[in-house]
Every structure is written in C-alpha cells, then in structure tokens.
PDB file of N, CA and C in Angstrom:
ATOM      1  N   UNK A   1      40.451 107.453  94.016  1.00  0.00           N
ATOM      2  CA  UNK A   1      40.001 108.305  95.102  1.00  0.00           C
ATOM      3  C   UNK A   1      40.592 109.710  94.972  1.00  0.00           C
ATOM      4  N   UNK A   2      41.849 109.795  94.566  1.00  0.00           N
ATOM      5  CA  UNK A   2      42.481 111.101  94.415  1.00  0.00           C
ATOM      6  C   UNK A   2      41.811 111.916  93.322  1.00  0.00           C
ATOM      7  N   UNK A   3      41.376 111.259  92.245  1.00  0.00           N
ATOM      8  CA  UNK A   3      40.714 112.003  91.166  1.00  0.00           C
ATOM      9  C   UNK A   3      39.365 112.536  91.623  1.00  0.00           C
ATOM     10  N   UNK A   4      38.665 111.779  92.453  1.00  0.00           N
ATOM     11  CA  UNK A   4      37.371 112.252  92.964  1.00  0.00           C
ATOM     12  C   UNK A   4      37.567 113.482  93.837  1.00  0.00           C
ATOM     13  N   UNK A   5      38.570 113.452  94.699  1.00  0.00           N
ATOM     14  CA  UNK A   5      38.853 114.599  95.567  1.00  0.00           C
ATOM     15  C   UNK A   5      39.274 115.797  94.730  1.00  0.00           C
ATOM     16  N   UNK A   6      40.100 115.577  93.735  1.00  0.00           N
ATOM     17  CA  UNK A   6      40.548 116.672  92.872  1.00  0.00           C
ATOM     18  C   UNK A   6      39.370 117.285  92.125  1.00  0.00           C
ATOM     19  N   UNK A   7      38.487 116.450  91.588  1.00  0.00           N
ATOM     20  CA  UNK A   7      37.316 116.960  90.879  1.00  0.00           C
ATOM     21  C   UNK A   7      36.391 117.733  91.818  1.00  0.00           C
ATOM     22  N   UNK A   8      36.218 117.219  93.035  1.00  0.00           N
ATOM     23  CA  UNK A   8      35.348 117.928  93.975  1.00  0.00           C
ATOM     24  C   UNK A   8      35.941 119.277  94.363  1.00  0.00           C
ATOM     25  N   UNK A   9      37.265 119.347  94.500  1.00  0.00           N
ATOM     26  CA  UNK A   9      37.905 120.634  94.796  1.00  0.00           C
ATOM     27  C   UNK A   9      37.743 121.616  93.643  1.00  0.00           C
ATOM     28  N   UNK A  10      37.829 121.122  92.423  1.00  0.00           N
ATOM     29  CA  UNK A  10      37.653 121.986  91.252  1.00  0.00           C
ATOM     30  C   UNK A  10      36.230 122.519  91.200  1.00  0.00           C
ATOM     31  N   UNK A  11      35.242 121.623  91.375  1.00  0.00           N
ATOM     32  CA  UNK A  11      33.844 122.066  91.324  1.00  0.00           C
ATOM     33  C   UNK A  11      33.506 123.004  92.475  1.00  0.00           C
ATOM     34  N   UNK A  12      34.054 122.751  93.647  1.00  0.00           N
ATOM     35  CA  UNK A  12      33.830 123.640  94.782  1.00  0.00           C
ATOM     36  C   UNK A  12      34.432 125.014  94.515  1.00  0.00           C
ATOM     37  N   UNK A  13      35.624 125.047  93.946  1.00  0.00           N
ATOM     38  CA  UNK A  13      36.258 126.327  93.615  1.00  0.00           C
ATOM     39  C   UNK A  13      35.449 127.095  92.585  1.00  0.00           C
ATOM     40  N   UNK A  14      34.942 126.406  91.582  1.00  0.00           N
ATOM     41  CA  UNK A  14      34.111 127.053  90.561  1.00  0.00           C
ATOM     42  C   UNK A  14      32.839 127.615  91.197  1.00  0.00           C
ATOM     43  N   UNK A  15      32.217 126.847  92.096  1.00  0.00           N
ATOM     44  CA  UNK A  15      31.003 127.316  92.767  1.00  0.00           C
ATOM     45  C   UNK A  15      31.277 128.550  93.618  1.00  0.00           C
ATOM     46  N   UNK A  16      32.408 128.579  94.301  1.00  0.00           N
ATOM     47  CA  UNK A  16      32.765 129.740  95.126  1.00  0.00           C
ATOM     48  C   UNK A  16      32.999 130.963  94.244  1.00  0.00           C
ATOM     49  N   UNK A  17      33.659 130.779  93.117  1.00  0.00           N
ATOM     50  CA  UNK A  17      33.914 131.896  92.195  1.00  0.00           C
ATOM     51  C   UNK A  17      32.605 132.431  91.625  1.00  0.00           C
ATOM     52  N   UNK A  18      31.703 131.544  91.226  1.00  0.00           N
ATOM     53  CA  UNK A  18      30.407 131.976  90.698  1.00  0.00           C
ATOM     54  C   UNK A  18      29.616 132.720  91.770  1.00  0.00           C
ATOM     55  N   UNK A  19      29.627 132.198  92.990  1.00  0.00           N
ATOM     56  CA  UNK A  19      28.915 132.840  94.096  1.00  0.00           C
ATOM     57  C   UNK A  19      29.482 134.225  94.379  1.00  0.00           C
ATOM     58  N   UNK A  20      30.798 134.344  94.434  1.00  0.00           N
ATOM     59  CA  UNK A  20      31.429 135.638  94.699  1.00  0.00           C
ATOM     60  C   UNK A  20      31.121 136.631  93.571  1.00  0.00           C
ATOM     61  N   UNK A  21      31.150 136.155  92.332  1.00  0.00           N
ATOM     62  CA  UNK A  21      30.830 137.021  91.195  1.00  0.00           C
ATOM     63  C   UNK A  21      29.391 137.507  91.269  1.00  0.00           C
ATOM     64  N   UNK A  22      28.469 136.602  91.591  1.00  0.00           N
ATOM     65  CA  UNK A  22      27.062 136.986  91.710  1.00  0.00           C
ATOM     66  C   UNK A  22      26.867 138.018  92.805  1.00  0.00           C
ATOM     67  N   UNK A  23      27.489 137.810  93.962  1.00  0.00           N
ATOM     68  CA  UNK A  23      27.328 138.756  95.068  1.00  0.00           C
ATOM     69  C   UNK A  23      27.923 140.122  94.732  1.00  0.00           C
ATOM     70  N   UNK A  24      29.042 140.123  94.041  1.00  0.00           N
ATOM     71  CA  UNK A  24      29.657 141.387  93.642  1.00  0.00           C
ATOM     72  C   UNK A  24      28.763 142.127  92.653  1.00  0.00           C
ATOM     73  N   UNK A  25      28.240 141.414  91.674  1.00  0.00           N
ATOM     74  CA  UNK A  25      27.349 142.020  90.681  1.00  0.00           C
ATOM     75  C   UNK A  25      26.060 142.501  91.337  1.00  0.00           C
ATOM     76  N   UNK A  26      25.499 141.707  92.234  1.00  0.00           N
ATOM     77  CA  UNK A  26      24.267 142.097  92.916  1.00  0.00           C
ATOM     78  C   UNK A  26      24.483 143.334  93.775  1.00  0.00           C
ATOM     79  N   UNK A  27      25.653 143.462  94.394  1.00  0.00           N
ATOM     80  CA  UNK A  27      25.944 144.621  95.235  1.00  0.00           C
ATOM     81  C   UNK A  27      25.994 145.905  94.419  1.00  0.00           C
ATOM     82  N   UNK A  28      26.374 145.776  93.150  1.00  0.00           N
ATOM     83  CA  UNK A  28      26.437 146.964  92.302  1.00  0.00           C
ATOM     84  C   UNK A  28      25.075 147.346  91.740  1.00  0.00           C
ATOM     85  N   UNK A  29      24.193 146.368  91.546  1.00  0.00           N
ATOM     86  CA  UNK A  29      22.930 146.623  90.856  1.00  0.00           C
ATOM     87  C   UNK A  29      21.732 146.843  91.772  1.00  0.00           C
ATOM     88  N   UNK A  30      21.780 146.319  92.996  1.00  0.00           N
ATOM     89  CA  UNK A  30      20.614 146.343  93.879  1.00  0.00           C
ATOM     90  C   UNK A  30      20.917 147.227  95.089  1.00  0.00           C
ATOM     91  N   UNK A  31      19.874 147.923  95.571  1.00  0.00           N
ATOM     92  CA  UNK A  31      20.059 148.780  96.744  1.00  0.00           C
ATOM     93  C   UNK A  31      20.381 147.932  97.970  1.00  0.00           C
ATOM     94  N   UNK A  32      21.008 148.551  98.956  1.00  0.00           N
ATOM     95  CA  UNK A  32      21.474 147.820 100.137  1.00  0.00           C
ATOM     96  C   UNK A  32      20.322 147.191 100.920  1.00  0.00           C
ATOM     97  N   UNK A  33      19.189 147.893 101.041  1.00  0.00           N
ATOM     98  CA  UNK A  33      18.069 147.368 101.809  1.00  0.00           C
ATOM     99  C   UNK A  33      17.505 146.110 101.154  1.00  0.00           C
ATOM    100  N   UNK A  34      17.298 146.174  99.845  1.00  0.00           N
ATOM    101  CA  UNK A  34      16.757 145.015  99.129  1.00  0.00           C
ATOM    102  C   UNK A  34      17.761 143.863  99.122  1.00  0.00           C
ATOM    103  N   UNK A  35      19.021 144.189  98.986  1.00  0.00           N
ATOM    104  CA  UNK A  35      20.053 143.168  98.975  1.00  0.00           C
ATOM    105  C   UNK A  35      20.159 142.472 100.335  1.00  0.00           C
ATOM    106  N   UNK A  36      20.055 143.245 101.405  1.00  0.00           N
ATOM    107  CA  UNK A  36      20.069 142.661 102.745  1.00  0.00           C
ATOM    108  C   UNK A  36      18.903 141.724 102.970  1.00  0.00           C
ATOM    109  N   UNK A  37      17.723 142.128 102.519  1.00  0.00           N
ATOM    110  CA  UNK A  37      16.539 141.290 102.638  1.00  0.00           C
ATOM    111  C   UNK A  37      16.693 140.016 101.814  1.00  0.00           C
ATOM    112  N   UNK A  38      17.234 140.147 100.613  1.00  0.00           N
ATOM    113  CA  UNK A  38      17.431 138.997  99.736  1.00  0.00           C
ATOM    114  C   UNK A  38      18.392 137.984 100.365  1.00  0.00           C
ATOM    115  N   UNK A  39      19.536 138.452 100.830  1.00  0.00           N
ATOM    116  CA  UNK A  39      20.518 137.531 101.401  1.00  0.00           C
ATOM    117  C   UNK A  39      20.057 136.948 102.730  1.00  0.00           C
ATOM    118  N   UNK A  40      19.267 137.709 103.498  1.00  0.00           N
ATOM    119  CA  UNK A  40      18.688 137.161 104.726  1.00  0.00           C
ATOM    120  C   UNK A  40      17.738 136.021 104.398  1.00  0.00           C
ATOM    121  N   UNK A  41      16.913 136.196 103.375  1.00  0.00           N
ATOM    122  CA  UNK A  41      15.993 135.143 102.945  1.00  0.00           C
ATOM    123  C   UNK A  41      16.752 133.913 102.478  1.00  0.00           C
ATOM    124  N   UNK A  42      17.785 134.117 101.692  1.00  0.00           N
ATOM    125  CA  UNK A  42      18.592 133.004 101.207  1.00  0.00           C
ATOM    126  C   UNK A  42      19.268 132.278 102.378  1.00  0.00           C
ATOM    127  N   UNK A  43      19.773 133.025 103.361  1.00  0.00           N
ATOM    128  CA  UNK A  43      20.425 132.405 104.523  1.00  0.00           C
ATOM    129  C   UNK A  43      19.444 131.572 105.341  1.00  0.00           C
ATOM    130  N   UNK A  44      18.235 132.087 105.552  1.00  0.00           N
ATOM    131  CA  UNK A  44      17.225 131.338 106.304  1.00  0.00           C
ATOM    132  C   UNK A  44      16.854 130.061 105.557  1.00  0.00           C
ATOM    133  N   UNK A  45      16.662 130.160 104.250  1.00  0.00           N
ATOM    134  CA  UNK A  45      16.335 128.989 103.441  1.00  0.00           C
ATOM    135  C   UNK A  45      17.462 127.961 103.480  1.00  0.00           C
ATOM    136  N   UNK A  46      18.705 128.418 103.354  1.00  0.00           N
ATOM    137  CA  UNK A  46      19.855 127.506 103.383  1.00  0.00           C
ATOM    138  C   UNK A  46      19.991 126.824 104.737  1.00  0.00           C
ATOM    139  N   UNK A  47      19.786 127.582 105.807  1.00  0.00           N
ATOM    140  CA  UNK A  47      19.868 127.021 107.150  1.00  0.00           C
ATOM    141  C   UNK A  47      18.794 125.960 107.362  1.00  0.00           C
ATOM    142  N   UNK A  48      17.579 126.230 106.863  1.00  0.00           N
ATOM    143  CA  UNK A  48      16.490 125.256 106.961  1.00  0.00           C
ATOM    144  C   UNK A  48      16.836 123.981 106.214  1.00  0.00           C
ATOM    145  N   UNK A  49      17.406 124.119 105.023  1.00  0.00           N
ATOM    146  CA  UNK A  49      17.797 122.934 104.262  1.00  0.00           C
ATOM    147  C   UNK A  49      18.873 122.127 104.991  1.00  0.00           C
ATOM    148  N   UNK A  50      19.828 122.815 105.603  1.00  0.00           N
ATOM    149  CA  UNK A  50      20.870 122.117 106.363  1.00  0.00           C
ATOM    150  C   UNK A  50      20.280 121.307 107.509  1.00  0.00           C
ATOM    151  N   UNK A  51      19.319 121.904 108.205  1.00  0.00           N
ATOM    152  CA  UNK A  51      18.681 121.198 109.317  1.00  0.00           C
ATOM    153  C   UNK A  51      17.919 119.982 108.812  1.00  0.00           C
ATOM    154  N   UNK A  52      17.147 120.151 107.739  1.00  0.00           N
ATOM    155  CA  UNK A  52      16.362 119.040 107.214  1.00  0.00           C
ATOM    156  C   UNK A  52      17.245 117.918 106.681  1.00  0.00           C
ATOM    157  N   UNK A  53      18.306 118.261 105.986  1.00  0.00           N
ATOM    158  CA  UNK A  53      19.214 117.236 105.462  1.00  0.00           C
ATOM    159  C   UNK A  53      19.918 116.518 106.608  1.00  0.00           C
ATOM    160  N   UNK A  54      20.313 117.249 107.627  1.00  0.00           N
ATOM    161  CA  UNK A  54      20.946 116.624 108.789  1.00  0.00           C
ATOM    162  C   UNK A  54      20.000 115.695 109.520  1.00  0.00           C
ATOM    163  N   UNK A  55      18.737 116.103 109.642  1.00  0.00           N
ATOM    164  CA  UNK A  55      17.744 115.267 110.301  1.00  0.00           C
ATOM    165  C   UNK A  55      17.504 113.993 109.495  1.00  0.00           C
ATOM    166  N   UNK A  56      17.427 114.136 108.185  1.00  0.00           N
ATOM    167  CA  UNK A  56      17.238 112.973 107.315  1.00  0.00           C
ATOM    168  C   UNK A  56      18.424 112.021 107.435  1.00  0.00           C
ATOM    169  N   UNK A  57      19.622 112.560 107.428  1.00  0.00           N
ATOM    170  CA  UNK A  57      20.812 111.725 107.554  1.00  0.00           C
ATOM    171  C   UNK A  57      20.826 110.993 108.889  1.00  0.00           C
ATOM    172  N   UNK A  58      20.410 111.667 109.943  1.00  0.00           N
ATOM    173  CA  UNK A  58      20.356 111.027 111.257  1.00  0.00           C
ATOM    174  C   UNK A  58      19.373 109.866 111.261  1.00  0.00           C
ATOM    175  N   UNK A  59      18.223 110.055 110.608  1.00  0.00           N
ATOM    176  CA  UNK A  59      17.242 108.972 110.542  1.00  0.00           C
ATOM    177  C   UNK A  59      17.783 107.789 109.745  1.00  0.00           C
ATOM    178  N   UNK A  60      18.480 108.055 108.659  1.00  0.00           N
ATOM    179  CA  UNK A  60      19.046 106.982 107.839  1.00  0.00           C
ATOM    180  C   UNK A  60      20.089 106.201 108.627  1.00  0.00           C
ATOM    181  N   UNK A  61      20.955 106.893 109.345  1.00  0.00           N
ATOM    182  CA  UNK A  61      21.977 106.228 110.151  1.00  0.00           C
ATOM    183  C   UNK A  61      21.332 105.414 111.268  1.00  0.00           C
ATOM    184  N   UNK A  62      20.318 105.991 111.903  1.00  0.00           N
ATOM    185  CA  UNK A  62      19.614 105.285 112.976  1.00  0.00           C
ATOM    186  C   UNK A  62      18.972 104.009 112.445  1.00  0.00           C
ATOM    187  N   UNK A  63      18.327 104.096 111.296  1.00  0.00           N
ATOM    188  CA  UNK A  63      17.703 102.906 110.727  1.00  0.00           C
ATOM    189  C   UNK A  63      18.744 101.873 110.322  1.00  0.00           C
ATOM    190  N   UNK A  64      19.866 102.326 109.767  1.00  0.00           N
ATOM    191  CA  UNK A  64      20.910 101.398 109.350  1.00  0.00           C
ATOM    192  C   UNK A  64      21.483 100.642 110.555  1.00  0.00           C
ATOM    193  N   UNK A  65      21.556 101.304 111.708  1.00  0.00           N
ATOM    194  CA  UNK A  65      22.122 100.653 112.893  1.00  0.00           C
ATOM    195  C   UNK A  65      21.108  99.762 113.601  1.00  0.00           C
ATOM    196  N   UNK A  66      19.844 100.224 113.698  1.00  0.00           N
ATOM    197  CA  UNK A  66      18.873  99.507 114.518  1.00  0.00           C
ATOM    198  C   UNK A  66      17.889  98.658 113.719  1.00  0.00           C
ATOM    199  N   UNK A  67      17.631  99.003 112.476  1.00  0.00           N
ATOM    200  CA  UNK A  67      16.612  98.347 111.637  1.00  0.00           C
ATOM    201  C   UNK A  67      15.230  98.412 112.286  1.00  0.00           C
ATOM    202  N   UNK A  68      15.012  99.438 113.118  1.00  0.00           N
ATOM    203  CA  UNK A  68      13.746  99.596 113.827  1.00  0.00           C
ATOM    204  C   UNK A  68      13.025 100.824 113.270  1.00  0.00           C
ATOM    205  N   UNK A  69      12.197 100.612 112.265  1.00  0.00           N
ATOM    206  CA  UNK A  69      11.525 101.737 111.630  1.00  0.00           C
ATOM    207  C   UNK A  69      10.340 102.254 112.442  1.00  0.00           C
ATOM    208  N   UNK A  70       9.762 101.460 113.315  1.00  0.00           N
ATOM    209  CA  UNK A  70       8.597 101.879 114.094  1.00  0.00           C
ATOM    210  C   UNK A  70       8.950 103.040 115.021  1.00  0.00           C
ATOM    211  N   UNK A  71      10.050 102.938 115.739  1.00  0.00           N
ATOM    212  CA  UNK A  71      10.443 104.024 116.647  1.00  0.00           C
ATOM    213  C   UNK A  71      10.832 105.286 115.890  1.00  0.00           C
ATOM    214  N   UNK A  72      11.388 105.132 114.698  1.00  0.00           N
ATOM    215  CA  UNK A  72      11.741 106.310 113.904  1.00  0.00           C
ATOM    216  C   UNK A  72      10.470 107.013 113.437  1.00  0.00           C
ATOM    217  N   UNK A  73       9.476 106.245 113.008  1.00  0.00           N
ATOM    218  CA  UNK A  73       8.212 106.835 112.562  1.00  0.00           C
ATOM    219  C   UNK A  73       7.483 107.485 113.734  1.00  0.00           C
ATOM    220  N   UNK A  74       7.601 106.908 114.934  1.00  0.00           N
ATOM    221  CA  UNK A  74       6.918 107.456 116.111  1.00  0.00           C
ATOM    222  C   UNK A  74       7.424 108.841 116.496  1.00  0.00           C
ATOM    223  N   UNK A  75       8.586 109.226 116.000  1.00  0.00           N
ATOM    224  CA  UNK A  75       9.094 110.575 116.266  1.00  0.00           C
ATOM    225  C   UNK A  75       8.105 111.620 115.752  1.00  0.00           C
ATOM    226  N   UNK A  76       7.432 111.312 114.649  1.00  0.00           N
ATOM    227  CA  UNK A  76       6.547 112.278 114.000  1.00  0.00           C
ATOM    228  C   UNK A  76       5.126 112.257 114.556  1.00  0.00           C
ATOM    229  N   UNK A  77       4.827 111.335 115.439  1.00  0.00           N
ATOM    230  CA  UNK A  77       3.478 111.251 116.011  1.00  0.00           C
ATOM    231  C   UNK A  77       3.411 112.093 117.270  1.00  0.00           C
ATOM    232  N   UNK A  78       2.397 112.927 117.329  1.00  0.00           N
ATOM    233  CA  UNK A  78       2.187 113.763 118.512  1.00  0.00           C
ATOM    234  C   UNK A  78       1.619 112.895 119.623  1.00  0.00           C
ATOM    235  N   UNK A  79       2.069 113.054 120.862  1.00  0.00           N
ATOM    236  CA  UNK A  79       1.607 112.173 121.939  1.00  0.00           C
ATOM    237  C   UNK A  79       0.112 112.262 122.219  1.00  0.00           C
ATOM    238  N   UNK A  80      -0.528 113.382 121.896  1.00  0.00           N
ATOM    239  CA  UNK A  80      -1.947 113.504 122.193  1.00  0.00           C
ATOM    240  C   UNK A  80      -2.834 112.865 121.123  1.00  0.00           C
ATOM    241  N   UNK A  81      -2.261 112.500 119.978  1.00  0.00           N
ATOM    242  CA  UNK A  81      -3.043 111.845 118.931  1.00  0.00           C
ATOM    243  C   UNK A  81      -3.063 110.348 119.167  1.00  0.00           C
ATOM    244  N   UNK A  82      -4.237 109.718 118.985  1.00  0.00           N
ATOM    245  CA  UNK A  82      -4.254 108.257 119.142  1.00  0.00           C
ATOM    246  C   UNK A  82      -3.531 107.572 117.988  1.00  0.00           C
ATOM    247  N   UNK A  83      -2.883 106.447 118.269  1.00  0.00           N
ATOM    248  CA  UNK A  83      -2.157 105.738 117.228  1.00  0.00           C
ATOM    249  C   UNK A  83      -3.093 104.836 116.463  1.00  0.00           C
TER     250      UNK A  83
END
C-alpha cells in the first residue's frame, strides 16, 4: 500500500510540473486574450467532466447498495414521456 501511495505522489508531482511548465510556456507565446479564452474553455470542460464522473460514481454506489436498476434508469426518463 505504501508503494502505491508513493507512486501516486510521484506521478501527481510530475503532472503538476508538466502543467506548470505548459502554462508558463503558453503565457510567453500566446496573447492574454487568447490565453484567457483557452483556459476558460479548459476549465469549463474539466468542470463538466468532474460533474459527469461524480454522477456516474453516485449511480454505481446506489446500484451497489440497492441492486435496483429500474429506479436508477428512471432518473433519465422525462415525466411527460410515456414509459
């Protein structure tokens, strides 16, 4: 378990260094307006992915606890549509 945590810390540190290097390089090469638009787009996309992954995880946990897939599927059905 300790080796897994150590490896994850190493990979996380490498990812942070690569991200910081990319942002520093991008700040030097791209104008501020374009860079702001780019990072805003990336932030919106990342936030959307976080929401979708969290929703998926919630559905998996709900199914694991209840084993009731019908109610989970009914979340996606609009009430005005016939079943």
